[in-house]
Amino acid sequence: MKTIAWALAVLASAVLAIAAGDGLIASHWLFVFKPLTTLLVIAFAWPRGADAPARRRWIRVGLGLSLAGDVALLWPVRGFLPGLVAFLLAHLAYIVAFTRGLRFAAWPTAFAAYAVLAGAILALLWNGVPSVLRLPVLAYVACLSAMAAQAMCAWHAAHAGGDVQAVRLARHAAIGGAVFVASDALLATDRFGAPLPLSALLILGSYWAAQWLIAVSMRAENSNKPLSEQT
């Protein structure tokens, strides 16, 4: 399947999951289409990135852990903490992926910017976070912010390499990291602040956009342009 066909399949499944989440169709369909959408992203991503096997391996791990988190969060109360842990591990996997061939925090400005943003979000919502969840939430926000910042570092470093396609791919990952932060900020606002209208559309729509961008940050399997990588 070509990228456009995969994109349409992911979009169709996501629309049905969002419709179920926002009560436009029967809610039990969320149990079908939410994991299916992430599975479609995984299937699309699977053959990509052959030129950078270590990075591809860790992105696959991150997507798989995200699927586990999706399933856990189908039960919003009982599954919240397991889902939080699954996504925390997913972000750690993405951090490993984005440090292949590039040291961690190579561009400190990106980390400083995301630290300020994360601090602002936490300050706004902290009073609504139950005490039992405060440490896991703090750890999660740190990992999420580091993932997004490291993706930005990779984009910054790609500009120095002179490979136009590498810059474009790294840009996808950097935007994906930023959209992931936005998605989780919306989720946290809905859960610990005030309920959001059309929450499934806002949260799930941005979440799958982020995962798709991370998936397309790997070179297509038919690309013959190599990416240097330290394994």
Protein backbone atom coordinates (compact mmCIF):
# COMPACT_ATOMS: atom_id res chain seq x y z
CA MET A 1 0.00 0.00 0.00
CA LYS A 2 1.18 3.50 -0.77
CA THR A 3 1.46 6.12 1.94
CA ILE A 4 -1.79 7.82 0.90
CA ALA A 5 -3.70 4.54 1.15
CA TRP A 6 -2.29 3.87 4.62
CA ALA A 7 -3.13 7.42 5.65
CA LEU A 8 -6.73 7.02 4.51
CA ALA A 9 -7.05 3.70 6.36
CA VAL A 10 -5.68 5.23 9.57
CA LEU A 11 -7.94 8.26 9.15
CA ALA A 12 -11.06 6.14 8.62
CA SER A 13 -10.36 4.01 11.68
CA ALA A 14 -9.51 7.10 13.74
CA VAL A 15 -12.76 8.83 12.74
CA LEU A 16 -14.78 5.82 13.89
CA ALA A 17 -12.85 5.62 17.17
CA ILE A 18 -13.36 9.33 17.79
CA ALA A 19 -17.06 9.04 16.93
CA ALA A 20 -17.39 6.25 19.50
CA GLY A 21 -15.42 8.22 22.08
CA ASP A 22 -17.59 11.31 21.66
CA GLY A 23 -20.83 9.29 21.72
CA LEU A 24 -21.74 9.72 18.05
CA ILE A 25 -21.88 5.95 17.59
CA ALA A 26 -22.14 3.11 20.11
CA SER A 27 -19.31 3.36 22.65
CA HIS A 28 -18.34 -0.32 22.33
CA TRP A 29 -16.87 0.45 18.91
CA LEU A 30 -14.09 2.30 20.70
CA PHE A 31 -12.79 -1.10 21.83
CA VAL A 32 -12.44 -2.06 18.17
CA PHE A 33 -11.28 1.07 16.40
CA LYS A 34 -8.98 2.59 19.01
CA PRO A 35 -6.49 -0.32 19.01
CA LEU A 36 -7.09 -0.88 15.29
CA THR A 37 -5.99 2.67 14.46
CA THR A 38 -2.70 2.25 16.30
CA LEU A 39 -2.23 -1.19 14.74
CA LEU A 40 -2.61 0.39 11.31
CA VAL A 41 0.07 2.96 12.17
CA ILE A 42 2.33 0.10 13.31
CA ALA A 43 1.68 -1.85 10.10
CA PHE A 44 2.49 1.23 8.03
CA ALA A 45 5.68 1.91 9.99
CA TRP A 46 6.92 -1.67 10.12
CA PRO A 47 8.81 -1.88 6.79
CA ARG A 48 10.16 1.66 6.99
CA GLY A 49 13.56 2.68 8.30
CA ALA A 50 15.60 -0.24 6.98
CA ASP A 51 18.55 2.11 6.52
CA ALA A 52 18.62 2.83 10.29
CA PRO A 53 17.82 -0.50 11.99
CA ALA A 54 18.51 0.55 15.58
CA ARG A 55 16.30 3.63 15.28
CA ARG A 56 13.59 1.59 13.57
CA ARG A 57 13.74 -1.06 16.31
CA TRP A 58 13.15 1.45 19.07
CA ILE A 59 10.37 3.25 17.21
CA ARG A 60 8.68 -0.13 16.78
CA VAL A 61 9.03 -0.69 20.53
CA GLY A 62 7.55 2.74 21.20
CA LEU A 63 4.59 2.07 18.93
CA GLY A 64 4.00 -1.33 20.53
CA LEU A 65 4.03 0.15 24.03
CA SER A 66 1.67 2.87 22.82
CA LEU A 67 -0.73 0.17 21.67
CA ALA A 68 -0.57 -1.36 25.16
CA GLY A 69 -1.32 2.05 26.61
CA ASP A 70 -4.26 2.52 24.24
CA VAL A 71 -5.77 -0.77 25.38
CA ALA A 72 -5.23 0.04 29.07
CA LEU A 73 -6.92 3.44 28.71
CA LEU A 74 -10.04 1.83 27.31
CA TRP A 75 -10.79 1.55 31.04
CA PRO A 76 -10.19 5.20 32.03
CA VAL A 77 -10.15 4.63 35.80
CA ARG A 78 -8.61 1.19 36.35
CA GLY A 79 -6.39 1.48 33.32
CA PHE A 80 -5.08 5.01 33.85
CA LEU A 81 -1.94 4.14 35.81
CA PRO A 82 -1.02 1.09 33.64
CA GLY A 83 -1.65 3.23 30.56
CA LEU A 84 0.51 6.02 31.98
CA VAL A 85 3.35 3.55 32.60
CA ALA A 86 3.02 2.06 29.11
CA PHE A 87 3.24 5.48 27.48
CA LEU A 88 6.12 6.52 29.75
CA LEU A 89 8.04 3.48 28.50
CA ALA A 90 7.01 4.32 24.94
CA HIS A 91 8.54 7.77 25.29
CA LEU A 92 11.73 6.27 26.70
CA ALA A 93 11.87 4.02 23.62
CA TYR A 94 11.41 7.04 21.35
CA ILE A 95 14.19 8.85 23.23
CA VAL A 96 16.51 5.91 22.53
CA ALA A 97 15.44 6.01 18.87
CA PHE A 98 16.16 9.73 18.57
CA THR A 99 19.59 9.35 20.20
CA ARG A 100 20.90 6.90 17.58
CA GLY A 101 23.86 8.79 16.15
CA LEU A 102 23.17 11.87 18.28
CA ARG A 103 23.96 12.44 21.94
CA PHE A 104 21.14 13.10 24.38
CA ALA A 105 20.28 16.81 24.81
CA ALA A 106 22.64 17.78 21.99
CA TRP A 107 20.78 21.09 21.61
CA PRO A 108 20.09 22.36 25.16
CA THR A 109 17.80 25.14 23.91
CA ALA A 110 15.16 22.57 22.94
CA PHE A 111 15.26 21.00 26.40
CA ALA A 112 15.04 24.40 28.09
CA ALA A 113 12.01 25.36 26.00
CA TYR A 114 10.17 22.13 26.71
CA ALA A 115 11.06 22.32 30.41
CA VAL A 116 9.42 25.75 30.61
CA LEU A 117 6.36 24.50 28.72
CA ALA A 118 6.03 21.37 30.88
CA GLY A 119 6.42 23.43 34.05
CA ALA A 120 3.67 25.79 32.95
CA ILE A 121 1.26 22.95 32.19
CA LEU A 122 2.00 21.24 35.50
CA ALA A 123 1.56 24.49 37.41
CA LEU A 124 -1.88 25.01 35.86
CA LEU A 125 -3.13 21.50 36.54
CA TRP A 126 -1.19 20.38 39.62
CA ASN A 127 -3.95 21.05 42.15
CA GLY A 128 -6.26 18.71 40.26
CA VAL A 129 -3.83 15.78 40.21
CA PRO A 130 -4.59 13.27 43.00
CA SER A 131 -1.70 12.89 45.43
CA VAL A 132 -1.29 9.21 44.60
CA LEU A 133 -0.73 10.08 40.93
CA ARG A 134 1.56 13.08 41.35
CA LEU A 135 4.86 11.19 41.21
CA PRO A 136 3.87 9.05 38.18
CA VAL A 137 2.50 12.13 36.40
CA LEU A 138 5.69 14.08 37.10
CA ALA A 139 7.83 11.21 35.77
CA TYR A 140 5.62 10.92 32.70
CA VAL A 141 5.78 14.63 31.90
CA ALA A 142 9.56 14.56 32.24
CA CYS A 143 9.86 11.64 29.79
CA LEU A 144 7.35 13.13 27.34
CA SER A 145 9.10 16.50 27.34
CA ALA A 146 12.52 14.88 26.93
CA MET A 147 11.24 12.83 23.99
CA ALA A 148 9.87 15.90 22.23
CA ALA A 149 13.02 17.89 22.97
CA GLN A 150 15.30 15.12 21.71
CA ALA A 151 13.29 14.91 18.49
CA MET A 152 13.84 18.64 18.12
CA CYS A 153 17.58 18.09 18.72
CA ALA A 154 17.63 15.53 15.90
CA TRP A 155 15.95 18.01 13.56
CA HIS A 156 18.43 20.71 14.53
CA ALA A 157 21.36 18.33 13.93
CA ALA A 158 19.98 17.19 10.57
CA HIS A 159 20.34 20.71 9.19
CA ALA A 160 24.12 20.44 9.59
CA GLY A 161 24.27 17.24 7.54
CA GLY A 162 23.21 18.74 4.24
CA ASP A 163 20.78 15.88 3.41
CA VAL A 164 17.47 17.48 2.41
CA GLN A 165 15.49 14.29 2.90
CA ALA A 166 17.05 13.71 6.33
CA VAL A 167 15.99 17.22 7.36
CA ARG A 168 12.44 16.56 6.17
CA LEU A 169 12.21 13.26 8.02
CA ALA A 170 13.65 14.74 11.21
CA ARG A 171 11.14 17.59 10.93
CA HIS A 172 8.31 15.03 10.94
CA ALA A 173 9.63 13.55 14.19
CA ALA A 174 10.07 16.98 15.80
CA ILE A 175 6.53 18.04 14.89
CA GLY A 176 5.25 14.64 16.04
CA GLY A 177 6.89 15.17 19.42
CA ALA A 178 5.33 18.62 19.73
CA VAL A 179 1.88 17.33 18.78
CA PHE A 180 2.27 14.51 21.33
CA VAL A 181 2.89 17.13 24.03
CA ALA A 182 -0.21 19.03 22.88
CA SER A 183 -2.32 15.86 22.90
CA ASP A 184 -1.28 14.91 26.42
CA ALA A 185 -1.78 18.48 27.63
CA LEU A 186 -5.35 18.24 26.36
CA LEU A 187 -5.79 14.86 28.04
CA ALA A 188 -4.44 16.20 31.33
CA THR A 189 -6.70 19.26 31.11
CA ASP A 190 -9.74 17.06 30.48
CA ARG A 191 -8.86 14.73 33.36
CA PHE A 192 -7.39 17.06 35.99
CA GLY A 193 -8.81 20.42 34.99
CA ALA A 194 -12.12 21.10 33.24
CA PRO A 195 -13.86 18.62 30.89
CA LEU A 196 -13.25 19.49 27.25
CA PRO A 197 -16.00 19.56 24.62
CA LEU A 198 -15.37 17.01 21.85
CA SER A 199 -12.55 15.61 23.98
CA ALA A 200 -12.11 12.46 21.87
CA LEU A 201 -11.70 14.52 18.71
CA LEU A 202 -9.12 16.81 20.26
CA ILE A 203 -7.17 14.21 22.25
CA LEU A 204 -7.28 11.17 19.98
CA GLY A 205 -7.02 13.19 16.79
CA SER A 206 -3.81 14.88 17.93
CA TYR A 207 -2.48 11.64 19.44
CA TRP A 208 -2.71 9.68 16.19
CA ALA A 209 -1.36 12.63 14.23
CA ALA A 210 1.70 12.51 16.50
CA GLN A 211 2.17 8.77 16.08
CA TRP A 212 1.77 9.05 12.31
CA LEU A 213 4.39 11.79 12.13
CA ILE A 214 6.82 9.68 14.14
CA ALA A 215 6.16 6.74 11.81
CA VAL A 216 6.76 8.81 8.66
CA SER A 217 10.00 10.14 10.14
CA MET A 218 11.55 6.82 9.02
CA ARG A 219 12.59 6.47 5.41
CA ALA A 220 10.27 4.49 3.14
CA GLU A 221 11.43 0.97 2.35
CA ASN A 222 12.06 1.86 -1.31
CA SER A 223 14.38 4.76 -0.47
CA ASN A 224 18.00 4.20 -1.40
CA LYS A 225 19.39 7.18 0.45
CA PRO A 226 21.31 6.05 3.53
CA LEU A 227 21.08 7.62 6.95
CA SER A 228 24.22 7.47 9.08
CA GLU A 229 23.52 5.84 12.42
CA GLN A 230 25.43 4.70 15.43
CA THR A 231 24.12 1.33 16.59
